[in-house]
Amino acid sequence: MSNAGRRRRSLTTSIAPSPVSSYSSSPPSQLPHWKFSQVLGELPLAGGGGGRGGQDNGTLQDDGDTISAIEFDGRGDYLAAGDHAGRVILFRRTDENQDPPPSRTELERADQATATAPPAYSYMTEFQSHEQEFDVLHSLEIGEKVKKLRWCARPNSSLCMLATNDRTVKLWKVSEHSARKGHGQPRRRRSTPASLSEIALLGQDGSGVTNGHYYEWASKKARSYLSPDSTELSDKAGEEVGDGYAAKCRRVFGRAHEYNINSISNNCDGETFVSADDLRINLWHLEVTGQCFTIVDMKPADMEDLVEVIASAEFDPSSCSLLAYGSSRGFVRLVDLRRSALCDHAVRIFQDRENRMRPRTFFTEIVSCISDVKFTGDGRYLLSRDYMNMKLWDLRVESSPVSTYKVHEFLRPKLSELYNDDYIFDRFSCCASKGGDYFATGSYSNTFKVFSRAAANPNGATTLEASTNPYRTQSFASAKSTQGLLSNFARGIQRKGQDGLRSDGREDTQCNMASKVTHLAWHPTENFLVCAANNSLYMYHT
C-alpha cells in the first residue's frame, strides 16, 4: 500500500446534510422516511471524474481502500469498519458528549426535534489488523482483507473486537492513553479547514486536518510473536495508532481452517465465539488460542461426494446454545449445542417449498446460496439473504418463510450473462432494525432496499441510493431493445422504465453492476442505518 493511498484513505470526512438532500419522491406507505445524516470516508481526488451528482461512478480509486466489513458495538457508541488493505477504522459517537448534560429545566424547554437528533460519529483511530501472508505448506497467498468484524464485551474502559481475514482471527484491544509530548518535535496546531477543497489540498502532503483530528495510518505491524510456535504476545509490543490511542493484539486464533473463513460470530455468554469456513464451524474460547472444537463438520470422506458447503454462521443473540448457518444449497440449519457435541443433526432445517417446486437449472444452486444469516433482536425470527431474495423465517415454522422480499428478481432472465461476468457470485449482507420491524439489504447501482414486516405487499420497499440525496429521482434513457442488457448495465447505461413493478410483474430499473452496496449495519438502539459504498460510509436516520 503506497503512502499516497494511505493519505487518501486517512482523510475521513464528515459531511452534514445539505439542501440537495431533500427527497423528490415519497417513500412507500408503512415505511419510514429516511434522511441523510452524514458521510464518513475518502474524499475524491482533485479533478477526478465523478458519477452522477458528483458521486463516484463505481470505479475505485484504490481497491485497498474499499470497505469490506462494518459493525456497531452493543450500545451503538462505536462503529468499526474494515477494508481490503487489512486495516480497521474506528468511529466514536460524538453527539451525546459534545456538551455537558442539560438541566431539567432546559430539557423541558427543549424542542422535541432537538431531543431526537440523530447520532453523529467522528473519526477515532485506526490500526493495521492483518497483513498479506504466504502459506508455505499449501503454496497459497493469504490476503489481508478484513472479512468480518465483531465487538466483544468490554471488561473495562478499553474496546475489544474480533477481526478476521481468510485464515486467521485476531482479538484486538484498543485503549486510550495520555498523549506523549516532546520527542524533539513541536505539537501541531489543530484547526478545521473551511471547505472540502481545502481538505483535499491539505491531504496531498499528509498534513490535512478535519473535525479537529489528525488521521494517520499506522505503518507498523500489529505485534510480533514471541516464537514461531507461540500465540501469546508480548505486553511491550503495543502499537500507538493515533493521538491518544493504542491497539494491542491480545490473541491470535489461527491454524484451524483449511479453507477460507466466511463468518465469525460472538456468543451471548461473552466467553466463546465461532468461526466458519466452507466445511467446518469451529468453537473457540476467547482465552484459549491453542485449540478449538469443531461443532459442525461437513467434509465427506471423499471430496468427490461433496454437494454442499457452509456459507454463513450466526449465534442467536439471546440463547447461547442456538446457532444458525446457511449453506450453498439454500438451506438454513438451526443447531442446538446442548443436544450433542458434534452438531451433525439440525434441530430445524429451513427450506422454501417454492424453490423445490421450481424446475432446476444450472444456476439454481448458485443463486440459492445463503450469503448472510441474521437473527432479529428478540430471537423469534431469522433473516436470510441469497442472491435473488431476502427471506424472513419464523423459528417455529421451517417449511416456508413468513415473507419473501424480492431484491434481484429482475435479473433472473440474465443469469447466463451474470455468470459469464462473475456478478452472480456477489454476496450481499442483510440487517434488521432494533425491534425487528424493518429489514435492509444491499443491491447494485449503489442502492440498498428497506422492507417492512408489517407491509401488506412484501415487495413494497424503499429503494435508497448511497449518496447525500437518498431519494434522488432516477432518470432513465430510452432503449429500443433489451439485447445485450447486462453489458449495458455493467457500463452504467440506463434503460427505459420506472423504478418499481411493471405490468408483467418484473421489476424494471437501471442497474450499474460495477457499483454496489454489499455491507449494511443497523444501530442497535435507534432507527439509524449505515451502509458501505466503495470507500465511504453513508448514514441515514428516520
Protein backbone atom coordinates (compact mmCIF):
# COMPACT_ATOMS: atom_id res chain seq x y z
CA MET A 1 0.00 0.00 0.00
CA SER A 2 1.58 3.28 -1.06
CA ASN A 3 1.87 6.27 1.22
CA ALA A 4 -0.34 8.22 -1.16
CA GLY A 5 -3.02 5.58 -0.76
CA ARG A 6 -2.71 5.76 2.99
CA ARG A 7 -3.10 9.54 2.95
CA ARG A 8 -6.16 9.34 0.73
CA ARG A 9 -7.82 6.78 2.93
CA SER A 10 -6.93 8.63 6.11
CA LEU A 11 -8.83 11.73 5.01
CA THR A 12 -12.01 10.71 6.75
CA THR A 13 -14.54 13.48 6.42
CA SER A 14 -17.94 14.13 7.88
CA ILE A 15 -20.38 15.97 5.63
CA ALA A 16 -23.53 17.41 7.15
CA PRO A 17 -26.87 17.31 5.30
CA SER A 18 -27.12 19.85 2.50
CA PRO A 19 -30.13 21.43 0.80
CA VAL A 20 -29.83 18.95 -2.09
CA SER A 21 -30.67 16.12 0.29
CA SER A 22 -34.38 16.87 0.14
CA TYR A 23 -36.20 13.97 -1.46
CA SER A 24 -38.18 14.32 -4.62
CA SER A 25 -40.33 11.21 -4.39
CA SER A 26 -42.35 9.98 -1.44
CA PRO A 27 -41.37 6.70 0.19
CA PRO A 28 -43.84 3.81 0.17
CA SER A 29 -46.52 3.68 2.86
CA GLN A 30 -45.80 1.89 6.15
CA LEU A 31 -42.11 2.56 5.65
CA PRO A 32 -40.15 5.25 7.50
CA HIS A 33 -38.86 8.26 5.66
CA TRP A 34 -35.08 8.22 5.66
CA LYS A 35 -32.99 11.36 5.85
CA PHE A 36 -29.32 11.71 5.09
CA SER A 37 -27.27 12.16 8.25
CA GLN A 38 -23.57 12.20 7.34
CA VAL A 39 -20.92 10.51 5.26
CA LEU A 40 -17.58 9.28 6.52
CA GLY A 41 -14.92 8.27 4.08
CA GLU A 42 -12.37 9.15 1.47
CA LEU A 43 -12.52 12.45 -0.35
CA PRO A 44 -12.48 12.30 -4.17
CA LEU A 45 -9.21 13.19 -5.79
CA ALA A 46 -8.90 16.70 -7.15
CA GLY A 47 -10.02 16.71 -10.76
CA GLY A 48 -11.23 13.11 -10.55
CA GLY A 49 -14.19 12.12 -12.62
CA GLY A 50 -17.29 11.58 -10.54
CA GLY A 51 -20.53 9.93 -11.34
CA ARG A 52 -23.97 11.45 -11.49
CA GLY A 53 -24.43 14.21 -8.94
CA GLY A 54 -20.75 14.26 -8.03
CA GLN A 55 -20.81 10.71 -6.69
CA ASP A 56 -18.30 8.05 -7.61
CA ASN A 57 -19.27 6.15 -10.72
CA GLY A 58 -18.26 2.80 -9.34
CA THR A 59 -14.59 2.86 -10.43
CA LEU A 60 -12.46 2.55 -7.33
CA GLN A 61 -9.51 4.84 -6.90
CA ASP A 62 -7.73 2.28 -4.76
CA ASP A 63 -9.10 -1.20 -4.22
CA GLY A 64 -7.30 -1.47 -0.89
CA ASP A 65 -9.46 1.34 0.47
CA THR A 66 -12.73 -0.45 -0.27
CA ILE A 67 -14.70 -1.14 2.91
CA SER A 68 -15.26 -4.86 3.43
CA ALA A 69 -16.91 -5.03 6.89
CA ILE A 70 -18.82 -2.73 9.25
CA GLU A 71 -20.21 -3.32 12.73
CA PHE A 72 -21.75 -1.32 15.59
CA ASP A 73 -20.91 -2.18 19.16
CA GLY A 74 -23.65 -3.35 21.52
CA ARG A 75 -24.72 0.16 22.57
CA GLY A 76 -24.06 1.93 19.29
CA ASP A 77 -21.42 4.22 20.80
CA TYR A 78 -18.71 2.97 18.44
CA LEU A 79 -18.60 1.91 14.79
CA ALA A 80 -15.85 -0.23 13.27
CA ALA A 81 -15.04 -0.61 9.58
CA GLY A 82 -12.53 -2.93 7.93
CA ASP A 83 -11.08 -2.58 4.44
CA HIS A 84 -9.35 -4.64 1.77
CA ALA A 85 -5.91 -3.48 2.94
CA GLY A 86 -6.35 -5.18 6.32
CA ARG A 87 -7.00 -2.04 8.31
CA VAL A 88 -9.67 -1.38 10.94
CA ILE A 89 -11.03 2.16 11.32
CA LEU A 90 -12.94 3.16 14.46
CA PHE A 91 -15.51 5.93 14.81
CA ARG A 92 -16.92 7.31 18.04
CA ARG A 93 -20.34 8.76 18.69
CA THR A 94 -19.95 12.44 19.49
CA ASP A 95 -23.46 13.91 19.68
CA GLU A 96 -24.02 12.73 23.27
CA ASN A 97 -20.85 14.11 24.80
CA GLN A 98 -20.26 17.37 22.96
CA ASP A 99 -21.89 19.49 25.67
CA PRO A 100 -22.44 18.99 29.41
CA PRO A 101 -25.75 17.32 30.33
CA PRO A 102 -28.57 19.90 30.27
CA SER A 103 -30.56 20.68 33.36
CA ARG A 104 -34.14 19.51 33.84
CA THR A 105 -35.47 22.98 33.03
CA GLU A 106 -33.54 23.06 29.78
CA LEU A 107 -34.83 19.61 28.85
CA GLU A 108 -38.41 20.72 29.44
CA ARG A 109 -37.92 23.73 27.24
CA ALA A 110 -36.05 21.84 24.54
CA ASP A 111 -37.82 21.17 21.30
CA GLN A 112 -38.76 17.55 20.58
CA ALA A 113 -36.85 17.57 17.30
CA THR A 114 -33.70 18.55 19.16
CA ALA A 115 -34.20 15.78 21.71
CA THR A 116 -34.41 13.18 18.94
CA ALA A 117 -31.39 14.34 16.97
CA PRO A 118 -29.73 11.51 15.02
CA PRO A 119 -26.42 10.05 16.17
CA ALA A 120 -23.28 11.73 14.89
CA TYR A 121 -19.94 9.96 14.54
CA SER A 122 -16.40 11.21 14.09
CA TYR A 123 -13.10 9.58 13.39
CA MET A 124 -11.43 7.97 16.39
CA THR A 125 -8.39 5.93 15.30
CA GLU A 126 -7.26 3.12 13.01
CA PHE A 127 -4.79 0.24 13.07
CA GLN A 128 -3.39 -2.48 10.83
CA SER A 129 -5.14 -5.72 11.73
CA HIS A 130 -3.90 -8.18 9.07
CA GLU A 131 -1.12 -8.25 6.55
CA GLN A 132 -0.52 -10.33 3.46
CA GLU A 133 0.93 -13.75 4.22
CA PHE A 134 2.05 -16.84 2.34
CA ASP A 135 1.07 -20.35 3.36
CA VAL A 136 4.18 -22.38 2.54
CA LEU A 137 2.52 -25.72 3.28
CA HIS A 138 -0.25 -25.19 0.72
CA SER A 139 1.66 -22.74 -1.53
CA LEU A 140 -1.16 -20.28 -1.08
CA GLU A 141 -1.13 -16.50 -0.76
CA ILE A 142 -3.42 -15.25 2.03
CA GLY A 143 -4.76 -11.76 1.57
CA GLU A 144 -5.00 -9.11 4.25
CA LYS A 145 -8.65 -8.21 3.57
CA VAL A 146 -10.74 -7.87 6.75
CA LYS A 147 -13.76 -10.09 6.06
CA LYS A 148 -15.69 -9.79 9.33
CA LEU A 149 -15.66 -7.67 12.49
CA ARG A 150 -17.35 -8.48 15.79
CA TRP A 151 -17.32 -6.47 19.01
CA CYS A 152 -16.65 -8.25 22.29
CA ALA A 153 -17.82 -7.42 25.81
CA ARG A 154 -15.85 -4.59 27.41
CA PRO A 155 -14.03 -5.76 30.56
CA ASN A 156 -13.00 -2.17 31.34
CA SER A 157 -12.75 1.14 29.56
CA SER A 158 -10.86 -0.49 26.68
CA LEU A 159 -12.53 -1.66 23.48
CA CYS A 160 -12.24 -5.29 22.35
CA MET A 161 -13.11 -6.72 18.97
CA LEU A 162 -12.53 -9.73 16.74
CA ALA A 163 -11.26 -9.28 13.19
CA THR A 164 -10.60 -11.99 10.63
CA ASN A 165 -9.17 -12.40 7.18
CA ASP A 166 -9.33 -15.64 5.17
CA ARG A 167 -7.50 -17.80 7.72
CA THR A 168 -6.72 -16.03 10.99
CA VAL A 169 -8.93 -14.45 13.66
CA LYS A 170 -7.39 -11.84 15.94
CA LEU A 171 -8.63 -10.34 19.19
CA TRP A 172 -7.75 -6.65 19.40
CA LYS A 173 -7.79 -4.33 22.39
CA VAL A 174 -7.89 -0.57 21.81
CA SER A 175 -7.28 1.64 24.82
CA GLU A 176 -6.93 5.35 25.39
CA HIS A 177 -3.83 6.83 26.97
CA SER A 178 -2.43 10.29 27.59
CA ALA A 179 -0.75 11.73 24.51
CA ARG A 180 3.02 11.84 24.63
CA LYS A 181 4.63 15.25 24.42
CA GLY A 182 8.08 16.28 23.33
CA HIS A 183 10.28 13.79 21.43
CA GLY A 184 12.05 16.82 19.95
CA GLN A 185 9.08 17.81 17.77
CA PRO A 186 6.67 20.70 18.37
CA ARG A 187 3.00 19.83 18.76
CA ARG A 188 0.96 20.60 15.68
CA ARG A 189 -1.83 23.12 15.92
CA ARG A 190 -5.31 21.70 15.36
CA SER A 191 -7.64 23.57 13.10
CA THR A 192 -10.55 22.81 10.81
CA PRO A 193 -10.37 23.73 7.10
CA ALA A 194 -13.11 26.00 5.82
CA SER A 195 -14.10 23.79 2.88
CA LEU A 196 -13.71 20.31 1.44
CA SER A 197 -11.45 21.66 -1.28
CA GLU A 198 -9.05 22.83 1.42
CA ILE A 199 -9.13 19.35 2.97
CA ALA A 200 -8.30 17.77 -0.37
CA LEU A 201 -5.40 20.17 -0.95
CA LEU A 202 -4.02 19.72 2.54
CA GLY A 203 -4.29 15.97 2.25
CA GLN A 204 -1.85 15.82 -0.64
CA ASP A 205 1.11 16.47 1.64
CA GLY A 206 -0.20 14.45 4.56
CA SER A 207 -0.98 17.42 6.79
CA GLY A 208 -4.75 17.57 6.37
CA VAL A 209 -6.90 18.06 9.43
CA THR A 210 -10.65 17.70 9.76
CA ASN A 211 -13.02 17.91 12.69
CA GLY A 212 -10.08 18.65 14.97
CA HIS A 213 -8.45 15.23 14.46
CA TYR A 214 -5.34 14.09 12.65
CA TYR A 215 -5.82 10.97 10.58
CA GLU A 216 -2.73 8.85 10.18
CA TRP A 217 -2.37 5.26 9.12
CA ALA A 218 -0.08 3.09 11.21
CA SER A 219 2.58 1.51 9.04
CA LYS A 220 3.93 -0.81 11.72
CA LYS A 221 2.94 -4.39 12.23
CA ALA A 222 0.37 -5.04 14.91
CA ARG A 223 2.54 -7.09 17.23
CA SER A 224 5.31 -9.65 17.00
CA TYR A 225 5.27 -13.26 18.13
CA LEU A 226 7.48 -14.46 20.99
CA SER A 227 8.32 -17.56 18.98
CA PRO A 228 7.06 -19.20 15.78
CA ASP A 229 5.05 -21.73 17.84
CA SER A 230 3.65 -19.32 20.40
CA THR A 231 0.35 -17.48 20.11
CA GLU A 232 0.80 -15.37 23.23
CA LEU A 233 2.10 -11.89 22.53
CA SER A 234 4.47 -9.64 24.40
CA ASP A 235 2.97 -6.88 26.52
CA LYS A 236 5.64 -4.50 25.23
CA ALA A 237 4.59 -4.95 21.63
CA GLY A 238 1.76 -2.44 21.82
CA GLU A 239 1.36 -0.03 18.95
CA GLU A 240 0.37 3.60 19.06
CA VAL A 241 -2.24 4.09 16.36
CA GLY A 242 -3.15 7.71 16.81
CA ASP A 243 -3.17 10.66 19.13
CA GLY A 244 -4.14 9.16 22.49
CA TYR A 245 -4.88 5.55 21.46
CA ALA A 246 -3.00 2.26 21.43
CA ALA A 247 -4.01 -1.05 19.81
CA LYS A 248 -2.77 -4.41 21.03
CA CYS A 249 -3.36 -7.81 19.52
CA ARG A 250 -4.24 -9.87 22.58
CA ARG A 251 -4.97 -13.22 20.93
CA VAL A 252 -4.36 -14.89 17.57
CA PHE A 253 -6.71 -17.74 16.67
CA GLY A 254 -5.09 -19.42 13.71
CA ARG A 255 -4.07 -22.71 12.08
CA ALA A 256 -7.55 -24.19 12.44
CA HIS A 257 -9.06 -23.66 8.98
CA GLU A 258 -8.07 -25.34 5.75
CA TYR A 259 -10.48 -23.20 3.74
CA ASN A 260 -11.31 -19.52 3.71
CA ILE A 261 -13.24 -18.19 6.71
CA ASN A 262 -16.58 -16.72 5.66
CA SER A 263 -18.01 -15.61 9.03
CA ILE A 264 -17.40 -15.23 12.75
CA SER A 265 -20.00 -14.73 15.47
CA ASN A 266 -19.83 -13.98 19.20
CA ASN A 267 -21.83 -15.97 21.70
CA CYS A 268 -24.01 -14.07 24.15
CA ASP A 269 -22.19 -15.81 27.03
CA GLY A 270 -19.31 -13.40 26.40
CA GLU A 271 -16.72 -16.18 26.50
CA THR A 272 -16.91 -18.10 23.22
CA PHE A 273 -17.27 -17.45 19.50
CA VAL A 274 -17.42 -19.47 16.29
CA SER A 275 -15.50 -19.19 13.04
CA ALA A 276 -16.87 -20.87 9.92
CA ASP A 277 -15.27 -21.86 6.64
CA ASP A 278 -16.65 -23.85 3.71
CA LEU A 279 -16.73 -27.19 5.51
CA ARG A 280 -16.31 -26.65 9.25
CA ILE A 281 -17.54 -24.47 12.10
CA ASN A 282 -15.10 -24.19 14.99
CA LEU A 283 -15.98 -23.13 18.53
CA TRP A 284 -13.33 -21.06 20.33
CA HIS A 285 -12.86 -19.75 23.84
CA LEU A 286 -11.63 -16.17 23.96
CA GLU A 287 -8.88 -17.09 26.44
CA VAL A 288 -7.61 -20.20 24.59
CA THR A 289 -5.78 -19.89 21.28
CA GLY A 290 -4.08 -23.27 21.08
CA GLN A 291 -7.18 -25.38 20.49
CA CYS A 292 -10.78 -25.22 19.32
CA PHE A 293 -13.65 -27.67 18.94
CA THR A 294 -15.29 -28.48 15.62
CA ILE A 295 -19.04 -28.46 16.19
CA VAL A 296 -20.07 -28.82 12.52
CA ASP A 297 -18.08 -30.88 10.02
CA MET A 298 -19.45 -31.28 6.50
CA LYS A 299 -16.30 -32.66 4.92
CA PRO A 300 -17.05 -36.04 3.27
CA ALA A 301 -14.65 -38.97 3.26
CA ASP A 302 -14.25 -38.50 -0.48
CA MET A 303 -14.25 -34.91 -1.71
CA GLU A 304 -15.90 -36.05 -4.93
CA ASP A 305 -19.04 -36.65 -2.86
CA LEU A 306 -19.15 -33.02 -1.73
CA VAL A 307 -22.55 -31.49 -2.57
CA GLU A 308 -22.87 -28.66 -0.07
CA VAL A 309 -20.70 -26.08 1.70
CA ILE A 310 -21.22 -23.68 4.58
CA ALA A 311 -21.75 -20.07 3.55
CA SER A 312 -22.56 -18.17 6.77
CA ALA A 313 -22.99 -18.80 10.51
CA GLU A 314 -24.55 -16.74 13.30
CA PHE A 315 -25.25 -17.22 17.03
CA ASP A 316 -28.68 -16.48 18.48
CA PRO A 317 -28.35 -13.13 20.33
CA SER A 318 -30.46 -14.30 23.28
CA SER A 319 -29.65 -18.02 23.58
CA CYS A 320 -26.06 -19.16 23.96
CA SER A 321 -26.83 -22.67 22.69
CA LEU A 322 -28.55 -21.91 19.36
CA LEU A 323 -26.56 -21.46 16.18
CA ALA A 324 -27.83 -20.98 12.63
CA TYR A 325 -25.82 -21.49 9.48
CA GLY A 326 -26.69 -21.20 5.80
CA SER A 327 -25.43 -23.42 3.02
CA SER A 328 -24.79 -23.22 -0.71
CA ARG A 329 -27.98 -25.23 -1.42
CA GLY A 330 -30.23 -22.60 0.14
CA PHE A 331 -30.77 -24.42 3.44
CA VAL A 332 -30.65 -22.66 6.80
CA ARG A 333 -29.95 -25.08 9.63
CA LEU A 334 -30.57 -24.37 13.30
CA VAL A 335 -28.48 -26.46 15.71
CA ASP A 336 -28.57 -26.74 19.49
CA LEU A 337 -25.21 -27.12 21.21
CA ARG A 338 -26.91 -28.76 24.21
CA ARG A 339 -28.00 -31.82 22.23
CA SER A 340 -24.61 -33.13 21.22
CA ALA A 341 -21.01 -32.08 20.99
CA LEU A 342 -20.94 -32.60 17.22
CA CYS A 343 -23.97 -30.83 15.75
CA ASP A 344 -24.32 -33.09 12.71
CA HIS A 345 -28.13 -33.18 13.10
CA ALA A 346 -30.06 -29.92 12.94
CA VAL A 347 -32.98 -29.05 15.18
CA ARG A 348 -34.62 -27.17 12.29
CA ILE A 349 -33.93 -27.09 8.56
CA PHE A 350 -35.48 -24.10 6.85
CA GLN A 351 -36.13 -24.65 3.16
CA ASP A 352 -38.55 -22.76 0.94
CA ARG A 353 -41.08 -25.06 -0.71
CA GLU A 354 -41.40 -22.66 -3.62
CA ASN A 355 -37.78 -23.31 -4.59
CA ARG A 356 -38.34 -27.07 -4.57
CA MET A 357 -41.29 -26.72 -6.96
CA ARG A 358 -39.33 -24.68 -9.48
CA PRO A 359 -37.53 -26.52 -12.30
CA ARG A 360 -33.85 -26.88 -11.50
CA THR A 361 -31.30 -25.28 -13.79
CA PHE A 362 -27.54 -24.84 -13.82
CA PHE A 363 -27.91 -21.58 -11.86
CA THR A 364 -30.41 -22.78 -9.25
CA GLU A 365 -27.86 -23.65 -6.59
CA ILE A 366 -25.66 -20.62 -7.30
CA VAL A 367 -28.44 -18.07 -6.75
CA SER A 368 -29.78 -20.05 -3.75
CA CYS A 369 -26.50 -19.81 -1.81
CA ILE A 370 -27.13 -18.13 1.56
CA SER A 371 -24.73 -15.21 1.77
CA ASP A 372 -25.83 -13.90 5.17
CA VAL A 373 -27.90 -15.00 8.18
CA LYS A 374 -29.13 -12.67 10.93
CA PHE A 375 -31.39 -13.13 13.96
CA THR A 376 -33.82 -10.41 14.94
CA GLY A 377 -33.29 -8.80 18.34
CA ASP A 378 -35.99 -10.83 20.08
CA GLY A 379 -34.65 -14.10 18.70
CA ARG A 380 -38.03 -15.19 17.28
CA TYR A 381 -37.22 -14.63 13.62
CA LEU A 382 -34.35 -15.37 11.31
CA LEU A 383 -33.34 -13.33 8.28
CA SER A 384 -31.51 -14.93 5.35
CA ARG A 385 -30.20 -13.43 2.13
CA ASP A 386 -29.42 -15.20 -1.13
CA TYR A 387 -28.58 -13.62 -4.47
CA MET A 388 -32.18 -13.07 -5.55
CA ASN A 389 -34.20 -12.58 -2.39
CA MET A 390 -34.19 -11.87 1.32
CA LYS A 391 -36.41 -14.13 3.46
CA LEU A 392 -37.84 -13.84 6.95
CA TRP A 393 -38.27 -17.13 8.84
CA ASP A 394 -40.22 -17.92 11.99
CA LEU A 395 -38.08 -20.27 14.09
CA ARG A 396 -41.18 -22.40 14.72
CA VAL A 397 -42.02 -22.87 11.01
CA GLU A 398 -39.43 -24.46 8.75
CA SER A 399 -41.49 -25.29 5.66
CA SER A 400 -41.82 -21.78 4.27
CA PRO A 401 -40.70 -18.25 5.15
CA VAL A 402 -43.01 -15.70 6.72
CA SER A 403 -42.19 -13.26 3.91
CA THR A 404 -40.03 -13.28 0.81
CA TYR A 405 -38.61 -9.89 -0.17
CA LYS A 406 -37.62 -9.79 -3.83
CA VAL A 407 -34.43 -7.89 -4.48
CA HIS A 408 -32.94 -9.08 -7.78
CA GLU A 409 -35.77 -10.94 -9.48
CA PHE A 410 -35.49 -8.62 -12.48
CA LEU A 411 -32.05 -10.15 -13.16
CA ARG A 412 -33.31 -13.74 -13.42
CA PRO A 413 -33.59 -13.70 -17.26
CA LYS A 414 -29.92 -12.66 -17.47
CA LEU A 415 -28.34 -15.31 -15.24
CA SER A 416 -26.12 -16.67 -18.01
CA GLU A 417 -24.58 -13.24 -18.61
CA LEU A 418 -24.23 -12.69 -14.87
CA TYR A 419 -22.37 -15.99 -14.66
CA ASN A 420 -20.01 -15.13 -17.53
CA ASP A 421 -19.09 -11.83 -15.87
CA ASP A 422 -18.89 -13.34 -12.33
CA TYR A 423 -21.54 -10.95 -10.97
CA ILE A 424 -23.66 -13.93 -9.96
CA PHE A 425 -21.11 -14.70 -7.23
CA ASP A 426 -21.54 -11.32 -5.50
CA ARG A 427 -22.55 -11.66 -1.86
CA PHE A 428 -24.82 -9.19 -0.06
CA SER A 429 -25.43 -8.82 3.66
CA CYS A 430 -28.69 -8.07 5.46
CA CYS A 431 -29.65 -6.47 8.77
CA ALA A 432 -32.72 -5.88 10.94
CA SER A 433 -33.87 -2.90 12.99
CA LYS A 434 -33.81 -2.89 16.77
CA GLY A 435 -37.39 -4.19 17.06
CA GLY A 436 -37.30 -6.43 14.00
CA ASP A 437 -39.90 -4.30 12.19
CA TYR A 438 -37.69 -3.28 9.27
CA PHE A 439 -35.04 -5.07 7.24
CA ALA A 440 -32.39 -3.78 4.88
CA THR A 441 -30.14 -5.32 2.27
CA GLY A 442 -27.85 -4.09 -0.49
CA SER A 443 -28.13 -4.10 -4.24
CA TYR A 444 -26.46 -2.75 -7.37
CA SER A 445 -26.24 0.84 -8.66
CA ASN A 446 -25.04 1.98 -5.22
CA THR A 447 -28.51 1.34 -3.79
CA PHE A 448 -29.99 -0.59 -0.90
CA LYS A 449 -33.56 -1.51 -0.01
CA VAL A 450 -35.52 -1.25 3.23
CA PHE A 451 -38.54 -3.55 3.76
CA SER A 452 -41.27 -3.54 6.40
CA ARG A 453 -42.52 -6.68 8.14
CA ALA A 454 -45.97 -5.13 8.59
CA ALA A 455 -46.38 -4.08 4.93
CA ALA A 456 -49.28 -5.70 3.08
CA ASN A 457 -47.09 -6.14 0.00
CA PRO A 458 -43.73 -7.67 0.95
CA ASN A 459 -42.22 -6.37 -2.30
CA GLY A 460 -43.01 -2.77 -1.43
CA ALA A 461 -39.60 -1.41 -0.50
CA THR A 462 -37.90 1.90 -0.08
CA THR A 463 -35.02 1.98 -2.55
CA LEU A 464 -32.33 4.36 -1.35
CA GLU A 465 -29.16 5.49 -3.04
CA ALA A 466 -25.93 5.66 -1.08
CA SER A 467 -25.49 9.40 -1.55
CA THR A 468 -26.35 12.66 0.16
CA ASN A 469 -29.75 12.53 -1.56
CA PRO A 470 -31.13 9.01 -0.98
CA TYR A 471 -34.48 9.69 -2.69
CA ARG A 472 -32.98 11.28 -5.78
CA THR A 473 -35.25 10.86 -8.81
CA GLN A 474 -33.74 8.40 -11.24
CA SER A 475 -33.67 9.46 -14.89
CA PHE A 476 -33.87 6.72 -17.48
CA ALA A 477 -32.74 6.73 -21.06
CA SER A 478 -34.94 5.06 -23.63
CA ALA A 479 -33.77 1.80 -25.13
CA LYS A 480 -35.13 0.25 -28.30
CA SER A 481 -34.09 -3.28 -27.43
CA THR A 482 -33.09 -5.25 -24.36
CA GLN A 483 -30.49 -7.28 -26.27
CA GLY A 484 -27.14 -7.14 -24.52
CA LEU A 485 -28.89 -5.72 -21.47
CA LEU A 486 -26.33 -6.86 -18.94
CA SER A 487 -23.43 -5.36 -20.86
CA ASN A 488 -25.33 -2.07 -20.79
CA PHE A 489 -25.83 -2.49 -17.05
CA ALA A 490 -22.13 -3.02 -16.46
CA ARG A 491 -21.34 0.21 -18.30
CA GLY A 492 -23.97 2.08 -16.33
CA ILE A 493 -26.22 2.68 -19.35
CA GLN A 494 -29.77 3.22 -18.24
CA ARG A 495 -32.84 1.50 -19.59
CA LYS A 496 -36.39 2.55 -20.20
CA GLY A 497 -38.88 2.22 -17.37
CA GLN A 498 -39.67 3.35 -13.86
CA ASP A 499 -38.33 2.07 -10.56
CA GLY A 500 -40.92 -0.47 -9.47
CA LEU A 501 -43.02 -3.33 -10.77
CA ARG A 502 -44.05 -3.45 -14.40
CA SER A 503 -47.34 -4.78 -15.70
CA ASP A 504 -45.78 -8.19 -16.31
CA GLY A 505 -44.64 -8.41 -12.67
CA ARG A 506 -40.95 -7.80 -13.32
CA GLU A 507 -39.01 -5.00 -11.72
CA ASP A 508 -37.75 -2.54 -14.29
CA THR A 509 -34.88 -0.41 -13.04
CA GLN A 510 -31.47 0.76 -14.07
CA CYS A 511 -28.60 -1.33 -12.79
CA ASN A 512 -24.93 -0.47 -12.65
CA MET A 513 -23.29 -3.78 -11.86
CA ALA A 514 -19.89 -2.25 -11.12
CA SER A 515 -21.20 -0.21 -8.18
CA LYS A 516 -22.95 -1.99 -5.32
CA VAL A 517 -23.76 -1.81 -1.63
CA THR A 518 -22.82 -5.11 -0.01
CA HIS A 519 -22.45 -4.23 3.69
CA LEU A 520 -25.00 -2.61 5.98
CA ALA A 521 -25.44 -2.25 9.75
CA TRP A 522 -28.40 -1.12 11.83
CA HIS A 523 -27.91 0.87 15.01
CA PRO A 524 -28.71 -1.42 17.97
CA THR A 525 -30.97 1.07 19.78
CA GLU A 526 -32.21 3.62 17.21
CA ASN A 527 -33.60 3.76 13.67
CA PHE A 528 -30.22 4.64 12.26
CA LEU A 529 -28.72 2.85 9.28
CA VAL A 530 -25.20 2.86 7.85
CA CYS A 531 -24.13 1.35 4.54
CA ALA A 532 -20.73 0.96 2.89
CA ALA A 533 -20.37 2.13 -0.71
CA ASN A 534 -16.86 1.56 -2.07
CA ASN A 535 -14.67 3.51 0.39
CA SER A 536 -17.26 5.62 2.23
CA LEU A 537 -19.85 5.13 4.96
CA TYR A 538 -23.24 6.73 4.39
CA MET A 539 -25.53 7.19 7.39
CA TYR A 540 -29.29 7.74 7.43
CA HIS A 541 -31.92 8.27 10.11
CA THR A 542 -35.71 8.44 10.31
